[in-house]
Amino acid sequence: MASATALPVDSTVDDCYTAYDHPELASRYVRKKDTEAATGGSTSQVVIQLENLQCAGCCSTVEKALAKLPGVIGAEVNYTTHQLRVGWNLQQTELSTILRLLGKLGYPGQPLGVDTRGDLLARQRSSLLKRFGVAAAFGMQIMVLSVCLYTGQWWGIEPELADLFRYLSLLLVIPILVYSARPFFVAAVRSLFSGRIGMDVPVSLGLTVAFLASLYSLGTGGLEIYFDSIAMFVFLVLGSRLIESGHRLRAVNAVAVYDAVLPVSALKKFKQDQWRHIPAMSLEPGDQVAVDSGEVVPADGVILTGRSSFDE
């Protein structure tokens, strides 16, 4: 068996994003539109699935950062689907530059083809569901121990037994912090390194302070520990994000179904009453198209000639 050897790759010019600049790979994700007269080159469009978006402020951060890149015509983030749509001049800025900037901002992205948008969200939701399950399983055990400690303060409990319950709570909360709450800490570190404060920063700070305060109380013989609060907080936050991800996945799937229904081409009228089939995505406001009986209308418009009925 041949042994694996490290290849001398220069990370300054070649990283995981560079491959997207190859024409064969870029053609899977990038759509081009000829607008040379207006922009000095062809306009490219790409849809990118973003990670770690937590609020509308995150969307604004991405849009403002991309607007500073040369050749970028427009950048719009859909918070519902966590998808970024970018239009830019490929001759001035490469796709890898956009992806690299998103990674530095703390919102790594994956370019999407029409058939891959729902798959990526489904994988992210699956990972979130596992973290939620761990938080629920260990959190329930911690709550049982906490109830025993709370009732013990009223009805009495052996000090040795109370200490045992506290140390068991410590052991049970560690998987929640290390595994379930890991996305909070990772996103918080990325936010701080990018010079901004996102929603995960106060969340991570609160969890850290509560855990350290509980450790101090446990080490000094105090009675106040907050392991149950940590477990419930992580459980509730992950639960809310799980519900949100479900709505987002349904929205993406609905868009995918809508895209599948739309026709790929349209019969457009040119000068001298010539009609030619062109890609439906190339239609512009003011174009005239012909729609035969039983066909799907390729875009919103107004009926100029003829009569028909439509089923939406």
C-alpha atoms as a PDB file:
ATOM      1  CA  MET A   1       0.000   0.000   0.000  1.00  0.00           C
ATOM      2  CA  ALA A   2       1.431   3.367  -0.952  1.00  0.00           C
ATOM      3  CA  SER A   3       1.965   5.754   1.927  1.00  0.00           C
ATOM      4  CA  ALA A   4       0.388   9.187   1.860  1.00  0.00           C
ATOM      5  CA  THR A   5       2.785  12.083   1.466  1.00  0.00           C
ATOM      6  CA  ALA A   6       2.144  15.759   2.020  1.00  0.00           C
ATOM      7  CA  LEU A   7       2.115  17.774  -1.183  1.00  0.00           C
ATOM      8  CA  PRO A   8       3.844  21.176  -1.296  1.00  0.00           C
ATOM      9  CA  VAL A   9       0.734  23.345  -1.658  1.00  0.00           C
ATOM     10  CA  ASP A  10       1.203  27.093  -1.288  1.00  0.00           C
ATOM     11  CA  SER A  11      -1.684  28.161   0.950  1.00  0.00           C
ATOM     12  CA  THR A  12      -1.249  31.793  -0.100  1.00  0.00           C
ATOM     13  CA  VAL A  13      -2.391  31.035  -3.646  1.00  0.00           C
ATOM     14  CA  ASP A  14      -4.272  27.745  -3.304  1.00  0.00           C
ATOM     15  CA  ASP A  15      -6.927  26.914  -0.716  1.00  0.00           C
ATOM     16  CA  CYS A  16     -10.271  25.159  -0.592  1.00  0.00           C
ATOM     17  CA  TYR A  17     -11.923  28.039  -2.458  1.00  0.00           C
ATOM     18  CA  THR A  18      -9.553  28.183  -5.430  1.00  0.00           C
ATOM     19  CA  ALA A  19     -11.181  25.184  -7.114  1.00  0.00           C
ATOM     20  CA  TYR A  20     -14.336  27.230  -7.714  1.00  0.00           C
ATOM     21  CA  ASP A  21     -12.405  29.392 -10.173  1.00  0.00           C
ATOM     22  CA  HIS A  22     -11.983  26.485 -12.598  1.00  0.00           C
ATOM     23  CA  PRO A  23     -14.446  26.863 -15.493  1.00  0.00           C
ATOM     24  CA  GLU A  24     -15.670  23.262 -15.237  1.00  0.00           C
ATOM     25  CA  LEU A  25     -16.672  23.660 -11.589  1.00  0.00           C
ATOM     26  CA  ALA A  26     -17.829  27.261 -11.814  1.00  0.00           C
ATOM     27  CA  SER A  27     -20.229  26.395 -14.630  1.00  0.00           C
ATOM     28  CA  ARG A  28     -22.249  24.266 -12.178  1.00  0.00           C
ATOM     29  CA  TYR A  29     -23.059  27.228  -9.963  1.00  0.00           C
ATOM     30  CA  VAL A  30     -22.449  30.498 -11.828  1.00  0.00           C
ATOM     31  CA  ARG A  31     -24.948  31.914 -14.268  1.00  0.00           C
ATOM     32  CA  LYS A  32     -23.681  34.439 -16.777  1.00  0.00           C
ATOM     33  CA  LYS A  33     -25.616  37.223 -18.433  1.00  0.00           C
ATOM     34  CA  ASP A  34     -24.198  39.363 -21.237  1.00  0.00           C
ATOM     35  CA  THR A  35     -24.373  43.012 -20.116  1.00  0.00           C
ATOM     36  CA  GLU A  36     -21.070  44.205 -21.504  1.00  0.00           C
ATOM     37  CA  ALA A  37     -22.403  47.555 -22.618  1.00  0.00           C
ATOM     38  CA  ALA A  38     -23.510  48.474 -19.122  1.00  0.00           C
ATOM     39  CA  THR A  39     -20.878  46.914 -16.884  1.00  0.00           C
ATOM     40  CA  GLY A  40     -17.814  46.483 -19.051  1.00  0.00           C
ATOM     41  CA  GLY A  41     -18.143  42.705 -19.046  1.00  0.00           C
ATOM     42  CA  SER A  42     -20.549  39.836 -18.523  1.00  0.00           C
ATOM     43  CA  THR A  43     -22.476  39.828 -15.263  1.00  0.00           C
ATOM     44  CA  SER A  44     -22.268  36.619 -13.242  1.00  0.00           C
ATOM     45  CA  GLN A  45     -24.796  35.472 -10.657  1.00  0.00           C
ATOM     46  CA  VAL A  46     -24.436  32.855  -7.955  1.00  0.00           C
ATOM     47  CA  VAL A  47     -26.501  31.637  -5.004  1.00  0.00           C
ATOM     48  CA  ILE A  48     -24.530  30.776  -1.857  1.00  0.00           C
ATOM     49  CA  GLN A  49     -25.857  28.944   1.207  1.00  0.00           C
ATOM     50  CA  LEU A  50     -24.496  30.721   4.298  1.00  0.00           C
ATOM     51  CA  GLU A  51     -23.811  29.383   7.779  1.00  0.00           C
ATOM     52  CA  ASN A  52     -23.964  31.048  11.212  1.00  0.00           C
ATOM     53  CA  LEU A  53     -26.535  33.719  10.318  1.00  0.00           C
ATOM     54  CA  GLN A  54     -28.333  34.636  13.537  1.00  0.00           C
ATOM     55  CA  CYS A  55     -30.057  37.965  12.883  1.00  0.00           C
ATOM     56  CA  ALA A  56     -30.763  40.672  10.326  1.00  0.00           C
ATOM     57  CA  GLY A  57     -27.578  42.431  11.421  1.00  0.00           C
ATOM     58  CA  CYS A  58     -25.553  39.471  10.145  1.00  0.00           C
ATOM     59  CA  CYS A  59     -27.213  39.849   6.740  1.00  0.00           C
ATOM     60  CA  SER A  60     -26.351  43.541   6.656  1.00  0.00           C
ATOM     61  CA  THR A  61     -22.728  42.790   7.555  1.00  0.00           C
ATOM     62  CA  VAL A  62     -22.396  40.376   4.631  1.00  0.00           C
ATOM     63  CA  GLU A  63     -24.047  42.721   2.142  1.00  0.00           C
ATOM     64  CA  LYS A  64     -21.915  45.723   3.120  1.00  0.00           C
ATOM     65  CA  ALA A  65     -18.676  43.731   3.015  1.00  0.00           C
ATOM     66  CA  LEU A  66     -19.395  42.308  -0.441  1.00  0.00           C
ATOM     67  CA  ALA A  67     -20.413  45.726  -1.771  1.00  0.00           C
ATOM     68  CA  LYS A  68     -16.814  46.879  -1.211  1.00  0.00           C
ATOM     69  CA  LEU A  69     -15.380  44.242  -3.548  1.00  0.00           C
ATOM     70  CA  PRO A  70     -14.519  45.473  -7.050  1.00  0.00           C
ATOM     71  CA  GLY A  71     -17.023  44.484  -9.689  1.00  0.00           C
ATOM     72  CA  VAL A  72     -19.838  43.560  -7.289  1.00  0.00           C
ATOM     73  CA  ILE A  73     -23.108  44.922  -8.678  1.00  0.00           C
ATOM     74  CA  GLY A  74     -25.432  43.673  -5.965  1.00  0.00           C
ATOM     75  CA  ALA A  75     -25.521  41.352  -2.957  1.00  0.00           C
ATOM     76  CA  GLU A  76     -28.718  40.350  -1.175  1.00  0.00           C
ATOM     77  CA  VAL A  77     -29.119  37.945   1.742  1.00  0.00           C
ATOM     78  CA  ASN A  78     -32.419  36.166   2.326  1.00  0.00           C
ATOM     79  CA  TYR A  79     -32.550  35.543   6.071  1.00  0.00           C
ATOM     80  CA  THR A  80     -35.466  33.119   5.732  1.00  0.00           C
ATOM     81  CA  THR A  81     -33.463  30.709   3.581  1.00  0.00           C
ATOM     82  CA  HIS A  82     -29.958  31.860   4.675  1.00  0.00           C
ATOM     83  CA  GLN A  83     -29.059  32.229   1.017  1.00  0.00           C
ATOM     84  CA  LEU A  84     -26.923  34.942  -0.545  1.00  0.00           C
ATOM     85  CA  ARG A  85     -27.453  36.051  -4.132  1.00  0.00           C
ATOM     86  CA  VAL A  86     -24.528  37.930  -5.673  1.00  0.00           C
ATOM     87  CA  GLY A  87     -24.244  39.659  -9.023  1.00  0.00           C
ATOM     88  CA  TRP A  88     -20.753  40.720 -10.068  1.00  0.00           C
ATOM     89  CA  ASN A  89     -18.295  41.125 -12.921  1.00  0.00           C
ATOM     90  CA  LEU A  90     -16.256  37.934 -13.052  1.00  0.00           C
ATOM     91  CA  GLN A  91     -13.456  39.730 -14.880  1.00  0.00           C
ATOM     92  CA  GLN A  92     -12.813  41.921 -11.822  1.00  0.00           C
ATOM     93  CA  THR A  93     -13.444  39.518  -8.938  1.00  0.00           C
ATOM     94  CA  GLU A  94     -13.268  35.733  -8.869  1.00  0.00           C
ATOM     95  CA  LEU A  95     -15.777  33.516  -7.087  1.00  0.00           C
ATOM     96  CA  SER A  96     -13.065  32.275  -4.725  1.00  0.00           C
ATOM     97  CA  THR A  97     -12.518  35.856  -3.521  1.00  0.00           C
ATOM     98  CA  ILE A  98     -16.173  36.124  -2.525  1.00  0.00           C
ATOM     99  CA  LEU A  99     -16.146  32.770  -0.723  1.00  0.00           C
ATOM    100  CA  ARG A 100     -12.885  33.608   1.027  1.00  0.00           C
ATOM    101  CA  LEU A 101     -14.300  36.909   2.309  1.00  0.00           C
ATOM    102  CA  LEU A 102     -17.402  35.161   3.641  1.00  0.00           C
ATOM    103  CA  GLY A 103     -15.182  32.728   5.530  1.00  0.00           C
ATOM    104  CA  LYS A 104     -13.200  35.575   7.103  1.00  0.00           C
ATOM    105  CA  LEU A 105     -16.433  37.255   8.185  1.00  0.00           C
ATOM    106  CA  GLY A 106     -17.483  34.082   9.990  1.00  0.00           C
ATOM    107  CA  TYR A 107     -20.217  33.123   7.533  1.00  0.00           C
ATOM    108  CA  PRO A 108     -18.709  30.350   5.394  1.00  0.00           C
ATOM    109  CA  GLY A 109     -20.727  29.617   2.298  1.00  0.00           C
ATOM    110  CA  GLN A 110     -21.347  26.835  -0.193  1.00  0.00           C
ATOM    111  CA  PRO A 111     -22.278  27.723  -3.792  1.00  0.00           C
ATOM    112  CA  LEU A 112     -25.523  26.059  -4.728  1.00  0.00           C
ATOM    113  CA  GLY A 113     -26.837  24.426  -7.842  1.00  0.00           C
ATOM    114  CA  VAL A 114     -30.578  24.084  -8.288  1.00  0.00           C
ATOM    115  CA  ASP A 115     -30.554  20.498  -7.001  1.00  0.00           C
ATOM    116  CA  THR A 116     -28.322  21.016  -3.946  1.00  0.00           C
ATOM    117  CA  ARG A 117     -30.024  23.817  -2.027  1.00  0.00           C
ATOM    118  CA  GLY A 118     -32.316  21.660   0.076  1.00  0.00           C
ATOM    119  CA  ASP A 119     -29.681  18.955   0.640  1.00  0.00           C
ATOM    120  CA  LEU A 120     -27.273  21.296   2.433  1.00  0.00           C
ATOM    121  CA  LEU A 121     -29.982  22.660   4.732  1.00  0.00           C
ATOM    122  CA  ALA A 122     -31.151  19.122   5.480  1.00  0.00           C
ATOM    123  CA  ARG A 123     -27.637  18.138   6.594  1.00  0.00           C
ATOM    124  CA  GLN A 124     -27.376  21.221   8.792  1.00  0.00           C
ATOM    125  CA  ARG A 125     -30.754  20.467  10.351  1.00  0.00           C
ATOM    126  CA  SER A 126     -29.694  16.862  10.999  1.00  0.00           C
ATOM    127  CA  SER A 127     -26.603  18.059  12.888  1.00  0.00           C
ATOM    128  CA  LEU A 128     -28.708  20.542  14.863  1.00  0.00           C
ATOM    129  CA  LEU A 129     -31.187  17.797  15.747  1.00  0.00           C
ATOM    130  CA  LYS A 130     -28.392  15.629  17.191  1.00  0.00           C
ATOM    131  CA  ARG A 131     -27.117  18.490  19.349  1.00  0.00           C
ATOM    132  CA  PHE A 132     -30.655  19.198  20.505  1.00  0.00           C
ATOM    133  CA  GLY A 133     -31.133  15.533  21.413  1.00  0.00           C
ATOM    134  CA  VAL A 134     -27.960  15.481  23.529  1.00  0.00           C
ATOM    135  CA  ALA A 135     -29.023  18.665  25.326  1.00  0.00           C
ATOM    136  CA  ALA A 136     -32.471  17.186  25.997  1.00  0.00           C
ATOM    137  CA  ALA A 137     -31.190  13.818  27.251  1.00  0.00           C
ATOM    138  CA  PHE A 138     -28.546  15.172  29.615  1.00  0.00           C
ATOM    139  CA  GLY A 139     -30.645  18.196  30.561  1.00  0.00           C
ATOM    140  CA  MET A 140     -33.484  16.011  31.855  1.00  0.00           C
ATOM    141  CA  GLN A 141     -31.080  14.133  34.131  1.00  0.00           C
ATOM    142  CA  ILE A 142     -29.685  17.402  35.464  1.00  0.00           C
ATOM    143  CA  MET A 143     -33.192  18.693  36.160  1.00  0.00           C
ATOM    144  CA  VAL A 144     -34.022  15.542  38.150  1.00  0.00           C
ATOM    145  CA  LEU A 145     -30.935  16.082  40.306  1.00  0.00           C
ATOM    146  CA  SER A 146     -31.763  19.782  40.675  1.00  0.00           C
ATOM    147  CA  VAL A 147     -35.272  19.006  41.906  1.00  0.00           C
ATOM    148  CA  CYS A 148     -33.752  16.741  44.552  1.00  0.00           C
ATOM    149  CA  LEU A 149     -31.387  19.529  45.631  1.00  0.00           C
ATOM    150  CA  TYR A 150     -34.136  22.160  45.741  1.00  0.00           C
ATOM    151  CA  THR A 151     -36.512  19.989  47.752  1.00  0.00           C
ATOM    152  CA  GLY A 152     -33.617  18.952  49.972  1.00  0.00           C
ATOM    153  CA  GLN A 153     -33.136  22.571  51.027  1.00  0.00           C
ATOM    154  CA  TRP A 154     -36.717  22.573  52.330  1.00  0.00           C
ATOM    155  CA  TRP A 155     -37.094  19.054  53.724  1.00  0.00           C
ATOM    156  CA  GLY A 156     -33.490  18.263  54.478  1.00  0.00           C
ATOM    157  CA  ILE A 157     -30.870  16.172  52.660  1.00  0.00           C
ATOM    158  CA  GLU A 158     -27.620  14.542  53.696  1.00  0.00           C
ATOM    159  CA  PRO A 159     -24.643  16.791  52.846  1.00  0.00           C
ATOM    160  CA  GLU A 160     -22.778  13.883  51.238  1.00  0.00           C
ATOM    161  CA  LEU A 161     -25.762  13.096  49.026  1.00  0.00           C
ATOM    162  CA  ALA A 162     -26.165  16.764  48.060  1.00  0.00           C
ATOM    163  CA  ASP A 163     -22.485  16.965  47.060  1.00  0.00           C
ATOM    164  CA  LEU A 164     -22.875  13.796  44.997  1.00  0.00           C
ATOM    165  CA  PHE A 165     -25.821  15.299  43.113  1.00  0.00           C
ATOM    166  CA  ARG A 166     -23.862  18.503  42.459  1.00  0.00           C
ATOM    167  CA  TYR A 167     -20.845  16.645  41.058  1.00  0.00           C
ATOM    168  CA  LEU A 168     -23.100  14.444  38.952  1.00  0.00           C
ATOM    169  CA  SER A 169     -24.692  17.602  37.545  1.00  0.00           C
ATOM    170  CA  LEU A 170     -21.208  18.851  36.664  1.00  0.00           C
ATOM    171  CA  LEU A 171     -20.414  15.664  34.761  1.00  0.00           C
ATOM    172  CA  LEU A 172     -23.743  15.765  32.925  1.00  0.00           C
ATOM    173  CA  VAL A 173     -23.457  19.403  31.845  1.00  0.00           C
ATOM    174  CA  ILE A 174     -20.040  18.913  30.213  1.00  0.00           C
ATOM    175  CA  PRO A 175     -21.413  17.088  27.109  1.00  0.00           C
ATOM    176  CA  ILE A 176     -23.972  19.848  26.711  1.00  0.00           C
ATOM    177  CA  LEU A 177     -21.303  22.555  26.715  1.00  0.00           C
ATOM    178  CA  VAL A 178     -18.749  20.636  24.654  1.00  0.00           C
ATOM    179  CA  TYR A 179     -21.088  19.215  22.007  1.00  0.00           C
ATOM    180  CA  SER A 180     -24.525  20.834  22.045  1.00  0.00           C
ATOM    181  CA  ALA A 181     -23.358  24.397  22.688  1.00  0.00           C
ATOM    182  CA  ARG A 182     -20.275  24.157  20.467  1.00  0.00           C
ATOM    183  CA  PRO A 183     -21.832  26.171  17.572  1.00  0.00           C
ATOM    184  CA  PHE A 184     -22.407  29.086  19.969  1.00  0.00           C
ATOM    185  CA  PHE A 185     -18.755  29.269  20.983  1.00  0.00           C
ATOM    186  CA  VAL A 186     -17.416  28.752  17.450  1.00  0.00           C
ATOM    187  CA  ALA A 187     -19.645  31.496  16.061  1.00  0.00           C
ATOM    188  CA  ALA A 188     -18.723  33.815  18.945  1.00  0.00           C
ATOM    189  CA  VAL A 189     -14.991  33.376  18.332  1.00  0.00           C
ATOM    190  CA  ARG A 190     -15.448  34.034  14.617  1.00  0.00           C
ATOM    191  CA  SER A 191     -17.451  37.153  15.378  1.00  0.00           C
ATOM    192  CA  LEU A 192     -14.775  38.538  17.676  1.00  0.00           C
ATOM    193  CA  PHE A 193     -11.991  37.795  15.195  1.00  0.00           C
ATOM    194  CA  SER A 194     -13.926  39.617  12.481  1.00  0.00           C
ATOM    195  CA  GLY A 195     -14.265  42.672  14.736  1.00  0.00           C
ATOM    196  CA  ARG A 196     -17.962  42.561  15.516  1.00  0.00           C
ATOM    197  CA  ILE A 197     -20.309  41.297  18.227  1.00  0.00           C
ATOM    198  CA  GLY A 198     -22.953  38.859  17.030  1.00  0.00           C
ATOM    199  CA  MET A 199     -25.804  37.247  18.934  1.00  0.00           C
ATOM    200  CA  ASP A 200     -23.692  34.233  19.884  1.00  0.00           C
ATOM    201  CA  VAL A 201     -21.191  36.384  21.791  1.00  0.00           C
ATOM    202  CA  PRO A 202     -23.510  37.225  24.744  1.00  0.00           C
ATOM    203  CA  VAL A 203     -24.896  33.673  24.634  1.00  0.00           C
ATOM    204  CA  SER A 204     -21.404  32.178  24.955  1.00  0.00           C
ATOM    205  CA  LEU A 205     -20.430  34.729  27.586  1.00  0.00           C
ATOM    206  CA  GLY A 206     -23.490  33.897  29.689  1.00  0.00           C
ATOM    207  CA  LEU A 207     -22.845  30.157  29.490  1.00  0.00           C
ATOM    208  CA  THR A 208     -19.178  30.614  30.400  1.00  0.00           C
ATOM    209  CA  VAL A 209     -19.895  32.874  33.371  1.00  0.00           C
ATOM    210  CA  ALA A 210     -22.608  30.538  34.696  1.00  0.00           C
ATOM    211  CA  PHE A 211     -20.329  27.505  34.378  1.00  0.00           C
ATOM    212  CA  LEU A 212     -17.333  29.191  36.039  1.00  0.00           C
ATOM    213  CA  ALA A 213     -19.513  30.555  38.846  1.00  0.00           C
ATOM    214  CA  SER A 214     -20.905  27.071  39.452  1.00  0.00           C
ATOM    215  CA  LEU A 215     -17.398  25.600  39.526  1.00  0.00           C
ATOM    216  CA  TYR A 216     -16.297  28.217  42.047  1.00  0.00           C
ATOM    217  CA  SER A 217     -19.332  27.558  44.236  1.00  0.00           C
ATOM    218  CA  LEU A 218     -18.746  23.816  44.000  1.00  0.00           C
ATOM    219  CA  GLY A 219     -15.090  24.170  44.950  1.00  0.00           C
ATOM    220  CA  THR A 220     -15.725  26.484  47.895  1.00  0.00           C
ATOM    221  CA  GLY A 221     -18.614  24.517  49.360  1.00  0.00           C
ATOM    222  CA  GLY A 222     -21.325  26.919  48.232  1.00  0.00           C
ATOM    223  CA  LEU A 223     -24.898  25.847  47.649  1.00  0.00           C
ATOM    224  CA  GLU A 224     -25.656  27.817  44.479  1.00  0.00           C
ATOM    225  CA  ILE A 225     -24.914  26.044  41.199  1.00  0.00           C
ATOM    226  CA  TYR A 226     -26.378  26.831  37.786  1.00  0.00           C
ATOM    227  CA  PHE A 227     -25.853  23.645  35.817  1.00  0.00           C
ATOM    228  CA  ASP A 228     -29.610  23.211  35.416  1.00  0.00           C
ATOM    229  CA  SER A 229     -29.925  26.757  34.081  1.00  0.00           C
ATOM    230  CA  ILE A 230     -27.151  26.095  31.560  1.00  0.00           C
ATOM    231  CA  ALA A 231     -28.818  22.904  30.373  1.00  0.00           C
ATOM    232  CA  MET A 232     -32.246  24.486  30.009  1.00  0.00           C
ATOM    233  CA  PHE A 233     -30.874  27.553  28.242  1.00  0.00           C
ATOM    234  CA  VAL A 234     -28.987  25.494  25.645  1.00  0.00           C
ATOM    235  CA  PHE A 235     -32.031  23.252  25.221  1.00  0.00           C
ATOM    236  CA  LEU A 236     -34.369  26.185  24.583  1.00  0.00           C
ATOM    237  CA  VAL A 237     -32.022  28.021  22.210  1.00  0.00           C
ATOM    238  CA  LEU A 238     -31.344  24.888  20.171  1.00  0.00           C
ATOM    239  CA  GLY A 239     -35.046  24.091  20.158  1.00  0.00           C
ATOM    240  CA  SER A 240     -35.924  27.511  18.767  1.00  0.00           C
ATOM    241  CA  ARG A 241     -33.229  27.213  16.100  1.00  0.00           C
ATOM    242  CA  LEU A 242     -34.467  23.737  15.225  1.00  0.00           C
ATOM    243  CA  ILE A 243     -37.967  25.088  14.646  1.00  0.00           C
ATOM    244  CA  GLU A 244     -36.532  27.942  12.595  1.00  0.00           C
ATOM    245  CA  SER A 245     -34.453  25.565  10.475  1.00  0.00           C
ATOM    246  CA  GLY A 246     -37.568  23.508   9.761  1.00  0.00           C
ATOM    247  CA  HIS A 247     -39.394  26.554   8.420  1.00  0.00           C
ATOM    248  CA  ARG A 248     -36.311  27.532   6.412  1.00  0.00           C
ATOM    249  CA  LEU A 249     -36.028  24.065   4.874  1.00  0.00           C
ATOM    250  CA  ARG A 250     -39.685  24.093   3.874  1.00  0.00           C
ATOM    251  CA  ALA A 251     -39.230  27.523   2.300  1.00  0.00           C
ATOM    252  CA  VAL A 252     -36.227  26.333   0.283  1.00  0.00           C
ATOM    253  CA  ASN A 253     -38.072  23.217  -0.859  1.00  0.00           C
ATOM    254  CA  ALA A 254     -41.028  25.350  -1.904  1.00  0.00           C
ATOM    255  CA  VAL A 255     -38.721  27.554  -3.974  1.00  0.00           C
ATOM    256  CA  ALA A 256     -37.142  24.446  -5.518  1.00  0.00           C
ATOM    257  CA  VAL A 257     -40.580  23.160  -6.529  1.00  0.00           C
ATOM    258  CA  TYR A 258     -41.383  26.561  -7.989  1.00  0.00           C
ATOM    259  CA  ASP A 259     -38.129  26.567  -9.984  1.00  0.00           C
ATOM    260  CA  ALA A 260     -38.860  23.079 -11.269  1.00  0.00           C
ATOM    261  CA  VAL A 261     -42.261  24.167 -12.570  1.00  0.00           C
ATOM    262  CA  LEU A 262     -40.945  27.216 -14.419  1.00  0.00           C
ATOM    263  CA  PRO A 263     -39.964  26.597 -18.044  1.00  0.00           C
ATOM    264  CA  VAL A 264     -36.302  26.558 -18.966  1.00  0.00           C
ATOM    265  CA  SER A 265     -36.807  28.497 -22.200  1.00  0.00           C
ATOM    266  CA  ALA A 266     -39.152  31.159 -23.530  1.00  0.00           C
ATOM    267  CA  LEU A 267     -40.188  32.141 -27.053  1.00  0.00           C
ATOM    268  CA  LYS A 268     -39.115  35.805 -27.293  1.00  0.00           C
ATOM    269  CA  LYS A 269     -40.005  38.325 -29.968  1.00  0.00           C
ATOM    270  CA  PHE A 270     -37.099  40.134 -31.626  1.00  0.00           C
ATOM    271  CA  LYS A 271     -36.970  42.808 -34.301  1.00  0.00           C
ATOM    272  CA  GLN A 272     -38.792  42.324 -37.601  1.00  0.00           C
ATOM    273  CA  ASP A 273     -41.277  39.957 -35.910  1.00  0.00           C
ATOM    274  CA  GLN A 274     -38.694  37.231 -35.463  1.00  0.00           C
ATOM    275  CA  TRP A 275     -39.272  34.744 -32.629  1.00  0.00           C
ATOM    276  CA  ARG A 276     -36.497  32.745 -31.007  1.00  0.00           C
ATOM    277  CA  HIS A 277     -36.228  30.476 -27.979  1.00  0.00           C
ATOM    278  CA  ILE A 278     -33.950  31.898 -25.286  1.00  0.00           C
ATOM    279  CA  PRO A 279     -33.235  30.870 -21.658  1.00  0.00           C
ATOM    280  CA  ALA A 280     -36.093  32.015 -19.439  1.00  0.00           C
ATOM    281  CA  MET A 281     -33.619  33.468 -16.944  1.00  0.00           C
ATOM    282  CA  SER A 282     -32.427  35.888 -19.673  1.00  0.00           C
ATOM    283  CA  LEU A 283     -35.790  37.637 -19.940  1.00  0.00           C
ATOM    284  CA  GLU A 284     -35.784  41.331 -19.114  1.00  0.00           C
ATOM    285  CA  PRO A 285     -38.580  43.815 -18.353  1.00  0.00           C
ATOM    286  CA  GLY A 286     -40.252  44.850 -21.589  1.00  0.00           C
ATOM    287  CA  ASP A 287     -39.613  41.620 -23.495  1.00  0.00           C
ATOM    288  CA  GLN A 288     -42.506  40.058 -25.388  1.00  0.00           C
ATOM    289  CA  VAL A 289     -42.990  36.296 -25.246  1.00  0.00           C
ATOM    290  CA  ALA A 290     -45.463  33.896 -26.793  1.00  0.00           C
ATOM    291  CA  VAL A 291     -47.201  31.320 -24.593  1.00  0.00           C
ATOM    292  CA  ASP A 292     -49.065  28.471 -26.273  1.00  0.00           C
ATOM    293  CA  SER A 293     -52.058  26.699 -24.804  1.00  0.00           C
ATOM    294  CA  GLY A 294     -51.076  24.456 -21.891  1.00  0.00           C
ATOM    295  CA  GLU A 295     -47.644  26.051 -21.393  1.00  0.00           C
ATOM    296  CA  VAL A 296     -46.402  27.621 -18.167  1.00  0.00           C
ATOM    297  CA  VAL A 297     -45.907  31.383 -18.258  1.00  0.00           C
ATOM    298  CA  PRO A 298     -42.143  31.971 -17.886  1.00  0.00           C
ATOM    299  CA  ALA A 299     -42.417  35.306 -16.035  1.00  0.00           C
ATOM    300  CA  ASP A 300     -44.831  37.861 -14.627  1.00  0.00           C
ATOM    301  CA  GLY A 301     -46.355  40.001 -17.340  1.00  0.00           C
ATOM    302  CA  VAL A 302     -49.369  41.537 -19.034  1.00  0.00           C
ATOM    303  CA  ILE A 303     -51.398  39.959 -21.841  1.00  0.00           C
ATOM    304  CA  LEU A 304     -50.936  42.011 -25.007  1.00  0.00           C
ATOM    305  CA  THR A 305     -52.914  39.928 -27.506  1.00  0.00           C
ATOM    306  CA  GLY A 306     -55.178  36.914 -27.247  1.00  0.00           C
ATOM    307  CA  ARG A 307     -57.390  35.578 -24.461  1.00  0.00           C
ATOM    308  CA  SER A 308     -56.890  32.747 -22.013  1.00  0.00           C
ATOM    309  CA  SER A 309     -57.435  31.558 -18.453  1.00  0.00           C
ATOM    310  CA  PHE A 310     -54.681  30.770 -15.975  1.00  0.00           C
ATOM    311  CA  ASP A 311     -54.439  28.443 -12.999  1.00  0.00           C
ATOM    312  CA  GLU A 312     -52.063  29.677 -10.287  1.00  0.00           C
END
